[in-house]
N, C-alpha and C. Protein backbone atom coordinates (compact mmCIF):
# COMPACT_ATOMS: atom_id res chain seq x y z
N UNK A 1 -17.66 -37.00 3.07
CA UNK A 1 -17.22 -36.35 3.25
C UNK A 1 -15.90 -36.35 4.49
N UNK A 2 -16.34 -37.25 5.25
CA UNK A 2 -15.92 -37.83 6.59
C UNK A 2 -14.51 -38.79 6.25
N UNK A 3 -14.39 -39.52 4.61
CA UNK A 3 -13.37 -39.94 4.57
C UNK A 3 -12.59 -39.15 3.76
N UNK A 4 -13.12 -38.11 3.39
CA UNK A 4 -11.59 -37.05 2.27
C UNK A 4 -11.04 -36.71 3.66
N UNK A 5 -11.82 -35.70 4.72
CA UNK A 5 -11.31 -35.04 5.88
C UNK A 5 -10.84 -36.17 6.51
N UNK A 6 -10.24 -37.45 7.06
CA UNK A 6 -9.50 -38.73 7.13
C UNK A 6 -8.68 -38.53 6.92
N UNK A 7 -8.50 -38.36 5.16
CA UNK A 7 -7.74 -38.82 4.51
C UNK A 7 -6.76 -37.76 4.62
N UNK A 8 -7.39 -36.48 4.58
CA UNK A 8 -6.39 -35.13 4.74
C UNK A 8 -6.02 -35.40 6.02
N UNK A 9 -6.04 -35.47 6.79
CA UNK A 9 -5.75 -35.63 8.35
C UNK A 9 -4.45 -36.39 8.18
N UNK A 10 -4.74 -37.71 8.16
CA UNK A 10 -3.57 -38.54 7.59
C UNK A 10 -2.65 -38.00 6.62
N UNK A 11 -2.95 -37.57 5.47
CA UNK A 11 -2.01 -37.39 4.52
C UNK A 11 -1.27 -35.95 4.94
N UNK A 12 -1.87 -34.90 5.66
CA UNK A 12 -0.82 -33.75 6.03
C UNK A 12 0.04 -34.52 6.48
N UNK A 13 -0.09 -35.07 7.77
CA UNK A 13 1.37 -35.70 8.42
C UNK A 13 2.90 -36.34 7.62
N UNK A 14 1.70 -37.17 6.37
CA UNK A 14 2.93 -38.04 5.77
C UNK A 14 3.11 -37.65 4.96
N UNK A 15 3.01 -36.42 4.21
CA UNK A 15 3.27 -35.29 3.03
C UNK A 15 4.26 -34.51 2.99
N UNK A 16 4.17 -34.02 4.49
CA UNK A 16 5.27 -33.39 5.33
C UNK A 16 6.54 -34.08 5.50
N UNK A 17 6.28 -35.25 5.92
CA UNK A 17 7.26 -35.85 6.65
C UNK A 17 8.18 -36.47 4.82
N UNK A 18 7.41 -37.20 4.09
CA UNK A 18 7.98 -37.17 2.84
C UNK A 18 8.44 -36.05 2.07
N UNK A 19 7.86 -35.15 2.11
CA UNK A 19 8.59 -33.72 2.00
C UNK A 19 9.81 -33.38 2.10
N UNK A 20 10.28 -34.00 3.37
CA UNK A 20 11.46 -33.50 4.45
C UNK A 20 12.56 -34.55 4.03
N UNK A 21 11.93 -35.76 3.17
CA UNK A 21 13.08 -36.56 2.90
C UNK A 21 13.53 -36.51 1.08
N UNK A 22 12.09 -35.92 0.41
CA UNK A 22 12.54 -36.18 -1.04
C UNK A 22 12.60 -34.77 -1.58
N UNK A 23 12.00 -33.60 -0.87
CA UNK A 23 11.74 -32.50 -1.57
C UNK A 23 10.65 -31.64 -1.99
N UNK A 24 10.21 -30.55 -1.30
CA UNK A 24 8.92 -29.91 -1.18
C UNK A 24 8.33 -30.46 -3.08
N UNK A 25 9.23 -30.12 -4.06
CA UNK A 25 8.67 -29.82 -5.18
C UNK A 25 7.91 -30.92 -5.48
N UNK A 26 8.94 -32.22 -5.36
CA UNK A 26 8.79 -33.22 -6.07
C UNK A 26 7.28 -33.99 -5.25
N UNK A 27 7.64 -33.82 -3.81
CA UNK A 27 5.93 -34.26 -3.12
C UNK A 27 5.44 -34.04 -3.56
N UNK A 28 5.30 -32.16 -4.06
CA UNK A 28 4.11 -31.38 -4.10
C UNK A 28 3.81 -31.94 -5.63
N UNK A 29 4.46 -32.45 -6.31
CA UNK A 29 4.23 -33.14 -7.65
C UNK A 29 3.21 -34.31 -7.43
N UNK A 30 3.72 -34.94 -6.87
CA UNK A 30 3.67 -36.34 -6.53
C UNK A 30 2.12 -36.59 -5.81
N UNK A 31 1.59 -35.40 -5.37
CA UNK A 31 0.32 -35.13 -4.25
C UNK A 31 -0.34 -34.76 -5.26
N UNK A 32 -0.11 -33.83 -6.55
CA UNK A 32 -1.20 -33.48 -7.43
C UNK A 32 -1.55 -34.74 -8.74
N UNK A 33 -0.16 -35.50 -8.78
CA UNK A 33 -0.53 -36.30 -9.54
C UNK A 33 -1.91 -37.69 -9.06
N UNK A 34 -1.93 -37.71 -7.60
CA UNK A 34 -2.34 -38.52 -6.92
C UNK A 34 -3.88 -38.28 -7.15
N UNK A 35 -3.93 -36.86 -6.39
CA UNK A 35 -5.24 -36.18 -6.37
C UNK A 35 -5.97 -36.43 -8.14
N UNK A 36 -5.47 -36.17 -8.27
CA UNK A 36 -5.93 -36.48 -10.14
C UNK A 36 -6.25 -37.69 -10.65
N UNK A 37 -5.32 -38.79 -10.22
CA UNK A 37 -5.62 -39.51 -10.68
C UNK A 37 -6.72 -41.13 -9.39
N UNK A 38 -6.66 -40.12 -7.75
CA UNK A 38 -7.95 -40.95 -7.03
C UNK A 38 -9.07 -40.04 -7.38
N UNK A 39 -9.04 -38.97 -7.88
CA UNK A 39 -9.95 -38.07 -8.03
C UNK A 39 -11.22 -38.72 -9.32
N UNK A 40 -9.78 -38.93 -10.38
CA UNK A 40 -10.91 -39.90 -11.54
C UNK A 40 -11.11 -41.06 -11.38
N UNK A 41 -10.45 -41.86 -10.43
CA UNK A 41 -10.86 -43.36 -10.28
C UNK A 41 -12.10 -43.01 -9.55
N UNK A 42 -12.80 -42.66 -8.34
CA UNK A 42 -13.66 -42.45 -7.51
C UNK A 42 -14.67 -41.92 -8.26
N UNK A 43 -14.87 -40.90 -9.48
CA UNK A 43 -16.09 -40.64 -10.60
C UNK A 43 -16.69 -41.71 -11.02
N UNK A 44 -15.37 -42.75 -11.48
CA UNK A 44 -15.83 -44.13 -12.41
C UNK A 44 -15.89 -45.09 -11.14
N UNK A 45 -16.06 -45.02 -9.89
CA UNK A 45 -16.49 -45.98 -8.97
C UNK A 45 -17.87 -46.99 -9.42
N UNK A 46 -17.16 -48.07 -8.88
CA UNK A 46 -18.32 -49.04 -9.43
C UNK A 46 -19.51 -49.35 -7.94
N UNK A 47 -19.18 -48.77 -7.01
CA UNK A 47 -20.24 -49.31 -5.68
C UNK A 47 -19.92 -48.02 -4.73
N UNK A 48 -20.82 -48.14 -3.56
CA UNK A 48 -20.66 -46.80 -2.93
C UNK A 48 -19.15 -47.66 -1.85
N UNK A 49 -19.29 -48.59 -1.28
CA UNK A 49 -17.77 -49.05 -0.93
C UNK A 49 -16.16 -48.64 -1.50
N UNK A 50 -16.42 -48.84 -2.69
CA UNK A 50 -15.47 -48.69 -3.21
C UNK A 50 -14.70 -47.07 -3.58
N UNK A 51 -16.38 -46.49 -3.88
CA UNK A 51 -16.12 -45.03 -3.73
C UNK A 51 -15.46 -44.26 -2.42
N UNK A 52 -16.18 -44.69 -1.71
CA UNK A 52 -15.58 -44.66 -0.27
C UNK A 52 -14.29 -44.36 -0.19
N UNK A 53 -13.85 -45.50 -0.58
CA UNK A 53 -12.73 -46.14 -0.32
C UNK A 53 -11.79 -44.97 -1.44
N UNK A 54 -12.01 -44.90 -2.24
CA UNK A 54 -11.21 -43.92 -3.24
C UNK A 54 -11.13 -42.60 -2.68
N UNK A 55 -12.39 -41.87 -2.27
CA UNK A 55 -12.68 -40.86 -2.00
C UNK A 55 -11.54 -40.26 -0.17
N UNK A 56 -10.87 -41.78 0.09
CA UNK A 56 -10.54 -41.91 1.77
C UNK A 56 -9.07 -41.49 0.60
N UNK A 57 -8.68 -42.10 -0.50
CA UNK A 57 -7.51 -42.24 -1.34
C UNK A 57 -6.85 -40.93 -1.69
N UNK A 58 -8.04 -40.26 -2.19
CA UNK A 58 -8.14 -38.69 -2.60
C UNK A 58 -8.17 -37.80 -1.36
N UNK A 59 -8.89 -38.01 -0.53
CA UNK A 59 -8.55 -37.36 0.36
C UNK A 59 -6.76 -36.98 1.42
N UNK A 60 -6.22 -38.35 1.39
CA UNK A 60 -5.20 -38.83 1.33
C UNK A 60 -4.08 -37.73 0.66
N UNK A 61 -4.11 -37.85 -0.76
CA UNK A 61 -3.52 -37.83 -1.63
C UNK A 61 -3.61 -35.30 -1.59
N UNK A 62 -5.16 -34.78 -1.28
CA UNK A 62 -5.02 -33.60 -0.88
C UNK A 62 -4.20 -33.25 0.21
N UNK A 63 -4.24 -34.29 1.18
CA UNK A 63 -3.48 -33.45 2.52
C UNK A 63 -2.48 -32.71 2.47
N UNK A 64 -1.45 -32.99 1.46
CA UNK A 64 -0.09 -32.43 0.69
C UNK A 64 -0.36 -30.87 0.42
N UNK A 65 -1.24 -31.05 -0.48
CA UNK A 65 -1.43 -30.06 -1.47
C UNK A 65 -1.21 -28.46 -0.94
N UNK A 66 -2.56 -27.99 -0.12
CA UNK A 66 -2.23 -27.11 0.36
C UNK A 66 -0.68 -26.36 1.42
N UNK A 67 -0.76 -27.54 1.98
CA UNK A 67 0.55 -27.37 2.68
C UNK A 67 2.20 -27.07 2.00
N UNK A 68 2.06 -28.15 1.01
CA UNK A 68 3.01 -27.91 0.36
C UNK A 68 3.38 -26.73 -0.79
N UNK A 69 1.88 -26.69 -1.47
CA UNK A 69 1.77 -25.36 -2.47
C UNK A 69 2.61 -24.00 -1.40
N UNK A 70 1.77 -24.04 -0.57
CA UNK A 70 2.60 -22.52 -0.34
C UNK A 70 3.82 -22.85 0.18
N UNK A 71 4.20 -23.38 0.93
CA UNK A 71 5.96 -24.12 0.91
C UNK A 71 6.74 -23.75 -0.27
N UNK A 72 6.23 -24.31 -1.30
CA UNK A 72 6.57 -23.93 -2.89
C UNK A 72 6.43 -22.92 -3.13
N UNK A 73 5.46 -22.23 -3.11
CA UNK A 73 5.23 -20.58 -3.42
C UNK A 73 6.23 -19.94 -2.98
N UNK A 74 6.36 -20.37 -1.58
CA UNK A 74 6.81 -18.98 -0.83
C UNK A 74 8.31 -19.07 -1.01
N UNK A 75 8.77 -20.34 -1.41
CA UNK A 75 10.71 -20.23 -2.10
C UNK A 75 10.53 -19.23 -2.74
N UNK A 76 9.20 -19.62 -3.70
CA UNK A 76 9.72 -18.72 -4.90
C UNK A 76 9.84 -17.09 -4.53
N UNK A 77 9.32 -16.75 -3.91
CA UNK A 77 9.59 -15.03 -3.34
C UNK A 77 10.77 -14.70 -2.88
N UNK A 78 11.01 -13.41 -3.44
CA UNK A 78 12.05 -13.51 -2.77
C UNK A 78 12.44 -12.90 -1.64
N UNK A 79 13.33 -12.70 -0.67
CA UNK A 79 13.39 -12.79 1.11
C UNK A 79 12.07 -11.55 1.51
N UNK A 80 12.62 -10.36 0.75
CA UNK A 80 12.36 -9.70 1.25
C UNK A 80 10.25 -9.22 1.34
N UNK A 81 10.39 -10.43 0.17
CA UNK A 81 8.27 -10.86 0.08
C UNK A 81 7.95 -11.98 0.86
N UNK A 82 8.78 -12.69 1.13
CA UNK A 82 8.36 -13.94 1.69
C UNK A 82 7.39 -13.84 3.24
N UNK A 83 7.46 -13.06 4.21
CA UNK A 83 6.71 -13.00 5.19
C UNK A 83 5.69 -11.99 4.72
N UNK A 84 5.43 -11.27 4.17
CA UNK A 84 4.11 -10.26 3.59
C UNK A 84 3.38 -11.00 2.75
N UNK A 85 4.31 -12.29 1.37
CA UNK A 85 3.44 -12.46 0.79
C UNK A 85 2.63 -14.38 1.51
N UNK A 86 3.13 -14.87 2.93
CA UNK A 86 2.36 -15.31 3.19
C UNK A 86 1.59 -15.30 4.09
N UNK A 87 1.62 -14.19 4.30
CA UNK A 87 0.49 -13.68 5.60
C UNK A 87 -0.40 -12.81 4.69
């Protein structure tokens, strides 16, 4: 659990910067793809240490999911619904 949490903390900063450079939607889709790939790989890991490393990578990818999902969803709302929709 600690590996995932540490990965999320580092990933949130990384994905925010990446989203500023390449756009929110592409960064969000990439974080989803990596979450799936690393999650699947960690389910098939051979040992404890490889499992921990893959869970760290999964956490890193998860770090971009929630912040970017909120940003992308907010952009889809009408201007009059954005503030109430996020709260």
